[in-house]
Amino acid sequence: MTVRIRLQRTGLRNNPSYRIVAANARTKRDGKCLERLGSYNPVPDQSGTKHVHWNAERVQYWLSVGAQPSDTVARLLVKAGILPTPPPRYTTLPSVTEAAKAAIQAHKEAPTA
């Protein structure tokens, strides 16, 4: 059984709030959870802060037994200092070969009628 730490949506329409839960990876987003770990309110309050509350000990426990955080929860855990910052992802761009460069240069220099 794969366990994920993810967000479970609660709140009203146009005013979401989320529970941070440990749940089986195959259950629905708002389905039964194994344990409630905290809450997250992404709507900024008057001072402009977003609130995250969780039980850090239980989050550490679930991570230690192999639970995988979702992308959003992983970002929140990195900001809180519970998870280490992941290494940056480098994308490799296709390199232009010398032959392709020569063909482009020849096309530019070709006389037009």
PDB file of N, CA and C in Angstrom:
ATOM      1  N   MET A   1       0.854  -1.176   0.000  1.00  0.00           N
ATOM      2  CA  MET A   1       0.000   0.000   0.000  1.00  0.00           C
ATOM      3  C   MET A   1       0.896   1.234   0.000  1.00  0.00           C
ATOM      4  N   THR A   2       0.764   2.045  -1.027  1.00  0.00           N
ATOM      5  CA  THR A   2       1.527   3.277  -1.131  1.00  0.00           C
ATOM      6  C   THR A   2       0.782   4.388  -0.412  1.00  0.00           C
ATOM      7  N   VAL A   3       1.491   5.072   0.467  1.00  0.00           N
ATOM      8  CA  VAL A   3       0.884   6.167   1.226  1.00  0.00           C
ATOM      9  C   VAL A   3       1.428   7.478   0.689  1.00  0.00           C
ATOM     10  N   ARG A   4       0.527   8.437   0.510  1.00  0.00           N
ATOM     11  CA  ARG A   4       0.918   9.770   0.060  1.00  0.00           C
ATOM     12  C   ARG A   4       0.455  10.796   1.074  1.00  0.00           C
ATOM     13  N   ILE A   5       1.271  11.814   1.251  1.00  0.00           N
ATOM     14  CA  ILE A   5       0.875  12.972   2.050  1.00  0.00           C
ATOM     15  C   ILE A   5       0.404  14.001   1.041  1.00  0.00           C
ATOM     16  N   ARG A   6      -0.868  14.352   1.110  1.00  0.00           N
ATOM     17  CA  ARG A   6      -1.443  15.227   0.090  1.00  0.00           C
ATOM     18  C   ARG A   6      -2.492  16.138   0.694  1.00  0.00           C
ATOM     19  N   LEU A   7      -3.050  16.989  -0.160  1.00  0.00           N
ATOM     20  CA  LEU A   7      -4.054  17.954   0.268  1.00  0.00           C
ATOM     21  C   LEU A   7      -5.446  17.403   0.000  1.00  0.00           C
ATOM     22  N   GLN A   8      -6.344  17.637   0.929  1.00  0.00           N
ATOM     23  CA  GLN A   8      -7.747  17.250   0.800  1.00  0.00           C
ATOM     24  C   GLN A   8      -8.550  18.541   0.866  1.00  0.00           C
ATOM     25  N   ARG A   9      -9.250  18.867  -0.212  1.00  0.00           N
ATOM     26  CA  ARG A   9      -9.930  20.155  -0.292  1.00  0.00           C
ATOM     27  C   ARG A   9     -11.144  20.216   0.625  1.00  0.00           C
ATOM     28  N   THR A  10     -11.246  21.334   1.342  1.00  0.00           N
ATOM     29  CA  THR A  10     -12.419  21.655   2.140  1.00  0.00           C
ATOM     30  C   THR A  10     -12.729  23.119   1.878  1.00  0.00           C
ATOM     31  N   GLY A  11     -13.686  23.667   2.556  1.00  0.00           N
ATOM     32  CA  GLY A  11     -13.994  25.080   2.387  1.00  0.00           C
ATOM     33  C   GLY A  11     -15.143  25.295   1.430  1.00  0.00           C
ATOM     34  N   LEU A  12     -15.279  26.529   1.005  1.00  0.00           N
ATOM     35  CA  LEU A  12     -16.385  26.937   0.154  1.00  0.00           C
ATOM     36  C   LEU A  12     -15.931  27.136  -1.279  1.00  0.00           C
ATOM     37  N   ARG A  13     -16.892  27.313  -2.161  1.00  0.00           N
ATOM     38  CA  ARG A  13     -16.574  27.636  -3.531  1.00  0.00           C
ATOM     39  C   ARG A  13     -15.916  29.010  -3.549  1.00  0.00           C
ATOM     40  N   ASN A  14     -14.852  29.160  -4.303  1.00  0.00           N
ATOM     41  CA  ASN A  14     -14.060  30.387  -4.411  1.00  0.00           C
ATOM     42  C   ASN A  14     -13.358  30.761  -3.111  1.00  0.00           C
ATOM     43  N   ASN A  15     -13.374  29.912  -2.121  1.00  0.00           N
ATOM     44  CA  ASN A  15     -12.659  30.154  -0.869  1.00  0.00           C
ATOM     45  C   ASN A  15     -12.139  28.812  -0.344  1.00  0.00           C
ATOM     46  N   PRO A  16     -11.127  28.248  -1.011  1.00  0.00           N
ATOM     47  CA  PRO A  16     -10.690  26.910  -0.627  1.00  0.00           C
ATOM     48  C   PRO A  16      -9.835  26.923   0.630  1.00  0.00           C
ATOM     49  N   SER A  17      -9.868  25.832   1.328  1.00  0.00           N
ATOM     50  CA  SER A  17      -8.906  25.525   2.376  1.00  0.00           C
ATOM     51  C   SER A  17      -8.657  24.029   2.273  1.00  0.00           C
ATOM     52  N   TYR A  18      -7.544  23.593   2.785  1.00  0.00           N
ATOM     53  CA  TYR A  18      -7.143  22.208   2.586  1.00  0.00           C
ATOM     54  C   TYR A  18      -6.734  21.575   3.903  1.00  0.00           C
ATOM     55  N   ARG A  19      -6.943  20.269   3.996  1.00  0.00           N
ATOM     56  CA  ARG A  19      -6.394  19.472   5.079  1.00  0.00           C
ATOM     57  C   ARG A  19      -5.161  18.772   4.526  1.00  0.00           C
ATOM     58  N   ILE A  20      -4.133  18.694   5.318  1.00  0.00           N
ATOM     59  CA  ILE A  20      -2.959  17.915   4.949  1.00  0.00           C
ATOM     60  C   ILE A  20      -3.159  16.540   5.568  1.00  0.00           C
ATOM     61  N   VAL A  21      -3.234  15.507   4.721  1.00  0.00           N
ATOM     62  CA  VAL A  21      -3.580  14.174   5.192  1.00  0.00           C
ATOM     63  C   VAL A  21      -2.586  13.143   4.666  1.00  0.00           C
ATOM     64  N   ALA A  22      -2.498  12.034   5.378  1.00  0.00           N
ATOM     65  CA  ALA A  22      -1.804  10.847   4.897  1.00  0.00           C
ATOM     66  C   ALA A  22      -2.890   9.894   4.421  1.00  0.00           C
ATOM     67  N   ALA A  23      -2.820   9.501   3.154  1.00  0.00           N
ATOM     68  CA  ALA A  23      -3.872   8.664   2.578  1.00  0.00           C
ATOM     69  C   ALA A  23      -3.261   7.653   1.625  1.00  0.00           C
ATOM     70  N   ASN A  24      -3.997   6.586   1.390  1.00  0.00           N
ATOM     71  CA  ASN A  24      -3.619   5.607   0.392  1.00  0.00           C
ATOM     72  C   ASN A  24      -3.596   6.310  -0.961  1.00  0.00           C
ATOM     73  N   ALA A  25      -2.600   6.013  -1.784  1.00  0.00           N
ATOM     74  CA  ALA A  25      -2.441   6.707  -3.057  1.00  0.00           C
ATOM     75  C   ALA A  25      -3.604   6.453  -4.008  1.00  0.00           C
ATOM     76  N   ARG A  26      -4.338   5.355  -3.830  1.00  0.00           N
ATOM     77  CA  ARG A  26      -5.415   5.024  -4.755  1.00  0.00           C
ATOM     78  C   ARG A  26      -6.770   5.588  -4.346  1.00  0.00           C
ATOM     79  N   THR A  27      -6.877   6.198  -3.182  1.00  0.00           N
ATOM     80  CA  THR A  27      -8.167   6.736  -2.765  1.00  0.00           C
ATOM     81  C   THR A  27      -8.431   8.064  -3.455  1.00  0.00           C
ATOM     82  N   LYS A  28      -9.693   8.471  -3.435  1.00  0.00           N
ATOM     83  CA  LYS A  28     -10.090   9.729  -4.047  1.00  0.00           C
ATOM     84  C   LYS A  28      -9.469  10.896  -3.296  1.00  0.00           C
ATOM     85  N   ARG A  29      -9.473  12.052  -3.926  1.00  0.00           N
ATOM     86  CA  ARG A  29      -8.903  13.242  -3.300  1.00  0.00           C
ATOM     87  C   ARG A  29      -9.573  13.547  -1.973  1.00  0.00           C
ATOM     88  N   ASP A  30     -10.892  13.470  -1.944  1.00  0.00           N
ATOM     89  CA  ASP A  30     -11.631  13.770  -0.724  1.00  0.00           C
ATOM     90  C   ASP A  30     -12.110  12.506  -0.022  1.00  0.00           C
ATOM     91  N   GLY A  31     -11.482  11.376  -0.328  1.00  0.00           N
ATOM     92  CA  GLY A  31     -11.886  10.109   0.274  1.00  0.00           C
ATOM     93  C   GLY A  31     -11.326   9.932   1.674  1.00  0.00           C
ATOM     94  N   LYS A  32     -11.441   8.704   2.154  1.00  0.00           N
ATOM     95  CA  LYS A  32     -11.013   8.386   3.513  1.00  0.00           C
ATOM     96  C   LYS A  32      -9.492   8.518   3.635  1.00  0.00           C
ATOM     97  N   CYS A  33      -9.058   9.116   4.729  1.00  0.00           N
ATOM     98  CA  CYS A  33      -7.626   9.290   4.955  1.00  0.00           C
ATOM     99  C   CYS A  33      -7.181   8.422   6.125  1.00  0.00           C
ATOM    100  N   LEU A  34      -5.891   8.138   6.179  1.00  0.00           N
ATOM    101  CA  LEU A  34      -5.341   7.367   7.285  1.00  0.00           C
ATOM    102  C   LEU A  34      -5.171   8.242   8.525  1.00  0.00           C
ATOM    103  N   GLU A  35      -4.733   9.492   8.308  1.00  0.00           N
ATOM    104  CA  GLU A  35      -4.522  10.402   9.433  1.00  0.00           C
ATOM    105  C   GLU A  35      -4.521  11.842   8.930  1.00  0.00           C
ATOM    106  N   ARG A  36      -5.141  12.724   9.712  1.00  0.00           N
ATOM    107  CA  ARG A  36      -5.079  14.158   9.430  1.00  0.00           C
ATOM    108  C   ARG A  36      -3.825  14.717  10.069  1.00  0.00           C
ATOM    109  N   LEU A  37      -3.014  15.383   9.268  1.00  0.00           N
ATOM    110  CA  LEU A  37      -1.737  15.891   9.754  1.00  0.00           C
ATOM    111  C   LEU A  37      -1.744  17.393   9.985  1.00  0.00           C
ATOM    112  N   GLY A  38      -2.665  18.107   9.366  1.00  0.00           N
ATOM    113  CA  GLY A  38      -2.692  19.550   9.549  1.00  0.00           C
ATOM    114  C   GLY A  38      -3.644  20.207   8.577  1.00  0.00           C
ATOM    115  N   SER A  39      -3.462  21.519   8.403  1.00  0.00           N
ATOM    116  CA  SER A  39      -4.324  22.276   7.501  1.00  0.00           C
ATOM    117  C   SER A  39      -3.506  23.338   6.783  1.00  0.00           C
ATOM    118  N   TYR A  40      -4.032  23.779   5.635  1.00  0.00           N
ATOM    119  CA  TYR A  40      -3.378  24.791   4.810  1.00  0.00           C
ATOM    120  C   TYR A  40      -4.453  25.696   4.249  1.00  0.00           C
ATOM    121  N   ASN A  41      -4.304  27.003   4.467  1.00  0.00           N
ATOM    122  CA  ASN A  41      -5.234  27.986   3.931  1.00  0.00           C
ATOM    123  C   ASN A  41      -4.474  28.856   2.936  1.00  0.00           C
ATOM    124  N   PRO A  42      -4.684  28.646   1.621  1.00  0.00           N
ATOM    125  CA  PRO A  42      -3.923  29.384   0.620  1.00  0.00           C
ATOM    126  C   PRO A  42      -4.412  30.808   0.388  1.00  0.00           C
ATOM    127  N   VAL A  43      -5.567  31.158   0.952  1.00  0.00           N
ATOM    128  CA  VAL A  43      -6.104  32.506   0.760  1.00  0.00           C
ATOM    129  C   VAL A  43      -5.417  33.430   1.764  1.00  0.00           C
ATOM    130  N   PRO A  44      -4.713  34.452   1.289  1.00  0.00           N
ATOM    131  CA  PRO A  44      -4.012  35.337   2.218  1.00  0.00           C
ATOM    132  C   PRO A  44      -4.988  36.102   3.105  1.00  0.00           C
ATOM    133  N   ASP A  45      -4.586  36.299   4.359  1.00  0.00           N
ATOM    134  CA  ASP A  45      -5.419  37.095   5.259  1.00  0.00           C
ATOM    135  C   ASP A  45      -5.101  38.575   5.039  1.00  0.00           C
ATOM    136  N   GLN A  46      -5.558  39.442   5.924  1.00  0.00           N
ATOM    137  CA  GLN A  46      -5.378  40.883   5.740  1.00  0.00           C
ATOM    138  C   GLN A  46      -3.908  41.290   5.732  1.00  0.00           C
ATOM    139  N   SER A  47      -3.074  40.554   6.445  1.00  0.00           N
ATOM    140  CA  SER A  47      -1.650  40.889   6.458  1.00  0.00           C
ATOM    141  C   SER A  47      -0.898  40.267   5.281  1.00  0.00           C
ATOM    142  N   GLY A  48      -1.592  39.470   4.457  1.00  0.00           N
ATOM    143  CA  GLY A  48      -0.986  38.895   3.264  1.00  0.00           C
ATOM    144  C   GLY A  48      -0.274  37.574   3.490  1.00  0.00           C
ATOM    145  N   THR A  49      -0.515  36.916   4.622  1.00  0.00           N
ATOM    146  CA  THR A  49       0.148  35.641   4.886  1.00  0.00           C
ATOM    147  C   THR A  49      -0.813  34.478   4.678  1.00  0.00           C
ATOM    148  N   LYS A  50      -0.253  33.379   4.200  1.00  0.00           N
ATOM    149  CA  LYS A  50      -1.003  32.139   4.044  1.00  0.00           C
ATOM    150  C   LYS A  50      -0.656  31.253   5.232  1.00  0.00           C
ATOM    151  N   HIS A  51      -1.635  30.571   5.789  1.00  0.00           N
ATOM    152  CA  HIS A  51      -1.423  29.821   7.020  1.00  0.00           C
ATOM    153  C   HIS A  51      -1.295  28.325   6.764  1.00  0.00           C
ATOM    154  N   VAL A  52      -0.270  27.731   7.370  1.00  0.00           N
ATOM    155  CA  VAL A  52      -0.056  26.288   7.336  1.00  0.00           C
ATOM    156  C   VAL A  52       0.149  25.832   8.770  1.00  0.00           C
ATOM    157  N   HIS A  53      -0.638  24.862   9.189  1.00  0.00           N
ATOM    158  CA  HIS A  53      -0.505  24.277  10.525  1.00  0.00           C
ATOM    159  C   HIS A  53      -0.415  22.771  10.351  1.00  0.00           C
ATOM    160  N   TRP A  54       0.583  22.143  10.982  1.00  0.00           N
ATOM    161  CA  TRP A  54       0.665  20.693  10.944  1.00  0.00           C
ATOM    162  C   TRP A  54       1.419  20.171  12.146  1.00  0.00           C
ATOM    163  N   ASN A  55       1.264  18.878  12.369  1.00  0.00           N
ATOM    164  CA  ASN A  55       1.977  18.192  13.432  1.00  0.00           C
ATOM    165  C   ASN A  55       3.273  17.669  12.812  1.00  0.00           C
ATOM    166  N   ALA A  56       4.371  18.381  13.051  1.00  0.00           N
ATOM    167  CA  ALA A  56       5.638  18.062  12.395  1.00  0.00           C
ATOM    168  C   ALA A  56       6.145  16.673  12.771  1.00  0.00           C
ATOM    169  N   GLU A  57       5.885  16.237  13.990  1.00  0.00           N
ATOM    170  CA  GLU A  57       6.335  14.901  14.401  1.00  0.00           C
ATOM    171  C   GLU A  57       5.652  13.814  13.578  1.00  0.00           C
ATOM    172  N   ARG A  58       4.352  13.967  13.360  1.00  0.00           N
ATOM    173  CA  ARG A  58       3.619  12.960  12.587  1.00  0.00           C
ATOM    174  C   ARG A  58       4.014  13.017  11.110  1.00  0.00           C
ATOM    175  N   VAL A  59       4.282  14.207  10.594  1.00  0.00           N
ATOM    176  CA  VAL A  59       4.740  14.310   9.206  1.00  0.00           C
ATOM    177  C   VAL A  59       6.082  13.599   9.070  1.00  0.00           C
ATOM    178  N   GLN A  60       6.994  13.828  10.015  1.00  0.00           N
ATOM    179  CA  GLN A  60       8.291  13.146   9.996  1.00  0.00           C
ATOM    180  C   GLN A  60       8.110  11.625  10.080  1.00  0.00           C
ATOM    181  N   TYR A  61       7.159  11.179  10.912  1.00  0.00           N
ATOM    182  CA  TYR A  61       6.904   9.744  11.033  1.00  0.00           C
ATOM    183  C   TYR A  61       6.474   9.164   9.689  1.00  0.00           C
ATOM    184  N   TRP A  62       5.497   9.797   9.044  1.00  0.00           N
ATOM    185  CA  TRP A  62       4.996   9.260   7.786  1.00  0.00           C
ATOM    186  C   TRP A  62       6.074   9.283   6.708  1.00  0.00           C
ATOM    187  N   LEU A  63       6.917  10.314   6.705  1.00  0.00           N
ATOM    188  CA  LEU A  63       8.018  10.341   5.739  1.00  0.00           C
ATOM    189  C   LEU A  63       9.022   9.225   6.037  1.00  0.00           C
ATOM    190  N   SER A  64       9.238   8.924   7.324  1.00  0.00           N
ATOM    191  CA  SER A  64      10.207   7.891   7.693  1.00  0.00           C
ATOM    192  C   SER A  64       9.730   6.488   7.327  1.00  0.00           C
ATOM    193  N   VAL A  65       8.419   6.269   7.279  1.00  0.00           N
ATOM    194  CA  VAL A  65       7.919   4.944   6.905  1.00  0.00           C
ATOM    195  C   VAL A  65       7.671   4.828   5.404  1.00  0.00           C
ATOM    196  N   GLY A  66       8.045   5.862   4.631  1.00  0.00           N
ATOM    197  CA  GLY A  66       8.003   5.751   3.179  1.00  0.00           C
ATOM    198  C   GLY A  66       6.883   6.481   2.482  1.00  0.00           C
ATOM    199  N   ALA A  67       6.146   7.337   3.162  1.00  0.00           N
ATOM    200  CA  ALA A  67       5.080   8.089   2.503  1.00  0.00           C
ATOM    201  C   ALA A  67       5.695   9.109   1.550  1.00  0.00           C
ATOM    202  N   GLN A  68       5.096   9.251   0.386  1.00  0.00           N
ATOM    203  CA  GLN A  68       5.578  10.190  -0.614  1.00  0.00           C
ATOM    204  C   GLN A  68       4.714  11.445  -0.591  1.00  0.00           C
ATOM    205  N   PRO A  69       5.298  12.633  -0.423  1.00  0.00           N
ATOM    206  CA  PRO A  69       4.487  13.847  -0.458  1.00  0.00           C
ATOM    207  C   PRO A  69       4.126  14.207  -1.891  1.00  0.00           C
ATOM    208  N   SER A  70       2.954  14.813  -2.072  1.00  0.00           N
ATOM    209  CA  SER A  70       2.588  15.324  -3.385  1.00  0.00           C
ATOM    210  C   SER A  70       3.479  16.523  -3.694  1.00  0.00           C
ATOM    211  N   ASP A  71       3.447  17.008  -4.924  1.00  0.00           N
ATOM    212  CA  ASP A  71       4.310  18.121  -5.313  1.00  0.00           C
ATOM    213  C   ASP A  71       4.047  19.360  -4.468  1.00  0.00           C
ATOM    214  N   THR A  72       2.777  19.685  -4.260  1.00  0.00           N
ATOM    215  CA  THR A  72       2.429  20.872  -3.486  1.00  0.00           C
ATOM    216  C   THR A  72       2.843  20.723  -2.035  1.00  0.00           C
ATOM    217  N   VAL A  73       2.585  19.576  -1.449  1.00  0.00           N
ATOM    218  CA  VAL A  73       2.967  19.351  -0.052  1.00  0.00           C
ATOM    219  C   VAL A  73       4.490  19.343   0.073  1.00  0.00           C
ATOM    220  N   ALA A  74       5.184  18.798  -0.910  1.00  0.00           N
ATOM    221  CA  ALA A  74       6.646  18.794  -0.866  1.00  0.00           C
ATOM    222  C   ALA A  74       7.183  20.222  -0.865  1.00  0.00           C
ATOM    223  N   ARG A  75       6.580  21.103  -1.672  1.00  0.00           N
ATOM    224  CA  ARG A  75       7.004  22.509  -1.676  1.00  0.00           C
ATOM    225  C   ARG A  75       6.780  23.154  -0.318  1.00  0.00           C
ATOM    226  N   LEU A  76       5.638  22.851   0.311  1.00  0.00           N
ATOM    227  CA  LEU A  76       5.361  23.402   1.636  1.00  0.00           C
ATOM    228  C   LEU A  76       6.351  22.863   2.669  1.00  0.00           C
ATOM    229  N   LEU A  77       6.700  21.586   2.568  1.00  0.00           N
ATOM    230  CA  LEU A  77       7.646  20.992   3.509  1.00  0.00           C
ATOM    231  C   LEU A  77       9.051  21.559   3.332  1.00  0.00           C
ATOM    232  N   VAL A  78       9.423  21.870   2.103  1.00  0.00           N
ATOM    233  CA  VAL A  78      10.732  22.488   1.864  1.00  0.00           C
ATOM    234  C   VAL A  78      10.764  23.886   2.471  1.00  0.00           C
ATOM    235  N   LYS A  79       9.681  24.653   2.296  1.00  0.00           N
ATOM    236  CA  LYS A  79       9.631  25.998   2.879  1.00  0.00           C
ATOM    237  C   LYS A  79       9.692  25.957   4.395  1.00  0.00           C
ATOM    238  N   ALA A  80       9.126  24.909   4.997  1.00  0.00           N
ATOM    239  CA  ALA A  80       9.131  24.783   6.453  1.00  0.00           C
ATOM    240  C   ALA A  80      10.444  24.214   6.975  1.00  0.00           C
ATOM    241  N   GLY A  81      11.282  23.684   6.092  1.00  0.00           N
ATOM    242  CA  GLY A  81      12.555  23.126   6.515  1.00  0.00           C
ATOM    243  C   GLY A  81      12.481  21.676   6.934  1.00  0.00           C
ATOM    244  N   ILE A  82      11.368  21.014   6.687  1.00  0.00           N
ATOM    245  CA  ILE A  82      11.229  19.604   7.056  1.00  0.00           C
ATOM    246  C   ILE A  82      11.907  18.710   6.015  1.00  0.00           C
ATOM    247  N   LEU A  83      11.796  19.077   4.749  1.00  0.00           N
ATOM    248  CA  LEU A  83      12.475  18.355   3.675  1.00  0.00           C
ATOM    249  C   LEU A  83      13.641  19.197   3.172  1.00  0.00           C
ATOM    250  N   PRO A  84      14.722  18.559   2.715  1.00  0.00           N
ATOM    251  CA  PRO A  84      15.814  19.335   2.124  1.00  0.00           C
ATOM    252  C   PRO A  84      15.402  19.869   0.752  1.00  0.00           C
ATOM    253  N   THR A  85      16.044  20.935   0.342  1.00  0.00           N
ATOM    254  CA  THR A  85      15.757  21.520  -0.965  1.00  0.00           C
ATOM    255  C   THR A  85      16.207  20.550  -2.049  1.00  0.00           C
ATOM    256  N   PRO A  86      15.334  20.229  -3.003  1.00  0.00           N
ATOM    257  CA  PRO A  86      15.738  19.297  -4.057  1.00  0.00           C
ATOM    258  C   PRO A  86      16.745  19.962  -4.988  1.00  0.00           C
ATOM    259  N   PRO A  87      17.611  19.177  -5.619  1.00  0.00           N
ATOM    260  CA  PRO A  87      18.560  19.770  -6.555  1.00  0.00           C
ATOM    261  C   PRO A  87      17.814  20.350  -7.749  1.00  0.00           C
ATOM    262  N   PRO A  88      18.356  21.399  -8.364  1.00  0.00           N
ATOM    263  CA  PRO A  88      17.662  22.005  -9.503  1.00  0.00           C
ATOM    264  C   PRO A  88      17.613  21.047 -10.685  1.00  0.00           C
ATOM    265  N   ARG A  89      16.545  21.148 -11.435  1.00  0.00           N
ATOM    266  CA  ARG A  89      16.393  20.313 -12.625  1.00  0.00           C
ATOM    267  C   ARG A  89      16.934  21.083 -13.819  1.00  0.00           C
ATOM    268  N   TYR A  90      17.897  20.490 -14.489  1.00  0.00           N
ATOM    269  CA  TYR A  90      18.464  21.119 -15.666  1.00  0.00           C
ATOM    270  C   TYR A  90      17.891  20.432 -16.893  1.00  0.00           C
ATOM    271  N   THR A  91      17.407  21.217 -17.803  1.00  0.00           N
ATOM    272  CA  THR A  91      16.925  20.653 -19.052  1.00  0.00           C
ATOM    273  C   THR A  91      18.008  20.852 -20.094  1.00  0.00           C
ATOM    274  N   THR A  92      18.215  19.863 -20.898  1.00  0.00           N
ATOM    275  CA  THR A  92      19.233  19.971 -21.934  1.00  0.00           C
ATOM    276  C   THR A  92      18.561  20.400 -23.223  1.00  0.00           C
ATOM    277  N   LEU A  93      19.090  21.441 -23.786  1.00  0.00           N
ATOM    278  CA  LEU A  93      18.582  21.915 -25.061  1.00  0.00           C
ATOM    279  C   LEU A  93      19.324  21.189 -26.170  1.00  0.00           C
ATOM    280  N   PRO A  94      18.663  20.914 -27.274  1.00  0.00           N
ATOM    281  CA  PRO A  94      19.363  20.240 -28.362  1.00  0.00           C
ATOM    282  C   PRO A  94      20.452  21.157 -28.913  1.00  0.00           C
ATOM    283  N   SER A  95      21.636  20.610 -29.053  1.00  0.00           N
ATOM    284  CA  SER A  95      22.742  21.425 -29.551  1.00  0.00           C
ATOM    285  C   SER A  95      22.700  21.445 -31.074  1.00  0.00           C
ATOM    286  N   VAL A  96      23.093  22.569 -31.601  1.00  0.00           N
ATOM    287  CA  VAL A  96      23.128  22.726 -33.050  1.00  0.00           C
ATOM    288  C   VAL A  96      24.498  22.256 -33.521  1.00  0.00           C
ATOM    289  N   THR A  97      24.514  21.298 -34.420  1.00  0.00           N
ATOM    290  CA  THR A  97      25.775  20.745 -34.906  1.00  0.00           C
ATOM    291  C   THR A  97      26.428  21.713 -35.880  1.00  0.00           C
ATOM    292  N   GLU A  98      27.695  21.463 -36.132  1.00  0.00           N
ATOM    293  CA  GLU A  98      28.444  22.320 -37.058  1.00  0.00           C
ATOM    294  C   GLU A  98      27.841  22.253 -38.461  1.00  0.00           C
ATOM    295  N   ALA A  99      27.379  21.091 -38.865  1.00  0.00           N
ATOM    296  CA  ALA A  99      26.788  20.958 -40.197  1.00  0.00           C
ATOM    297  C   ALA A  99      25.508  21.783 -40.298  1.00  0.00           C
ATOM    298  N   ALA A 100      24.707  21.783 -39.245  1.00  0.00           N
ATOM    299  CA  ALA A 100      23.478  22.570 -39.260  1.00  0.00           C
ATOM    300  C   ALA A 100      23.801  24.057 -39.269  1.00  0.00           C
ATOM    301  N   LYS A 101      24.832  24.463 -38.526  1.00  0.00           N
ATOM    302  CA  LYS A 101      25.240  25.870 -38.531  1.00  0.00           C
ATOM    303  C   LYS A 101      25.695  26.299 -39.923  1.00  0.00           C
ATOM    304  N   ALA A 102      26.459  25.434 -40.593  1.00  0.00           N
ATOM    305  CA  ALA A 102      26.936  25.748 -41.940  1.00  0.00           C
ATOM    306  C   ALA A 102      25.765  25.847 -42.913  1.00  0.00           C
ATOM    307  N   ALA A 103      24.780  24.979 -42.777  1.00  0.00           N
ATOM    308  CA  ALA A 103      23.618  25.020 -43.667  1.00  0.00           C
ATOM    309  C   ALA A 103      22.820  26.304 -43.454  1.00  0.00           C
ATOM    310  N   ILE A 104      22.688  26.730 -42.218  1.00  0.00           N
ATOM    311  CA  ILE A 104      21.962  27.973 -41.926  1.00  0.00           C
ATOM    312  C   ILE A 104      22.711  29.161 -42.503  1.00  0.00           C
ATOM    313  N   GLN A 105      24.041  29.172 -42.337  1.00  0.00           N
ATOM    314  CA  GLN A 105      24.850  30.275 -42.858  1.00  0.00           C
ATOM    315  C   GLN A 105      24.780  30.311 -44.381  1.00  0.00           C
ATOM    316  N   ALA A 106      24.831  29.152 -45.036  1.00  0.00           N
ATOM    317  CA  ALA A 106      24.759  29.098 -46.494  1.00  0.00           C
ATOM    318  C   ALA A 106      23.397  29.580 -46.981  1.00  0.00           C
ATOM    319  N   HIS A 107      22.350  29.257 -46.258  1.00  0.00           N
ATOM    320  CA  HIS A 107      21.015  29.701 -46.647  1.00  0.00           C
ATOM    321  C   HIS A 107      20.893  31.219 -46.529  1.00  0.00           C
ATOM    322  N   LYS A 108      21.517  31.790 -45.514  1.00  0.00           N
ATOM    323  CA  LYS A 108      21.460  33.242 -45.336  1.00  0.00           C
ATOM    324  C   LYS A 108      22.228  33.969 -46.433  1.00  0.00           C
ATOM    325  N   GLU A 109      23.361  33.380 -46.873  1.00  0.00           N
ATOM    326  CA  GLU A 109      24.207  34.027 -47.872  1.00  0.00           C
ATOM    327  C   GLU A 109      23.751  33.759 -49.300  1.00  0.00           C
ATOM    328  N   ALA A 110      22.815  32.867 -49.508  1.00  0.00           N
ATOM    329  CA  ALA A 110      22.363  32.523 -50.857  1.00  0.00           C
ATOM    330  C   ALA A 110      21.687  33.733 -51.487  1.00  0.00           C
ATOM    331  N   PRO A 111      22.020  34.010 -52.777  1.00  0.00           N
ATOM    332  CA  PRO A 111      21.392  35.169 -53.444  1.00  0.00           C
ATOM    333  C   PRO A 111      19.906  34.906 -53.695  1.00  0.00           C
ATOM    334  N   THR A 112      19.137  35.938 -53.569  1.00  0.00           N
ATOM    335  CA  THR A 112      17.704  35.822 -53.834  1.00  0.00           C
ATOM    336  C   THR A 112      17.392  36.464 -55.164  1.00  0.00           C
ATOM    337  N   ALA A 113      16.422  35.956 -55.887  1.00  0.00           N
ATOM    338  CA  ALA A 113      16.091  36.437 -57.222  1.00  0.00           C
ATOM    339  C   ALA A 113      15.237  37.663 -57.193  1.00  0.00           C
TER     340      ALA A 113
END
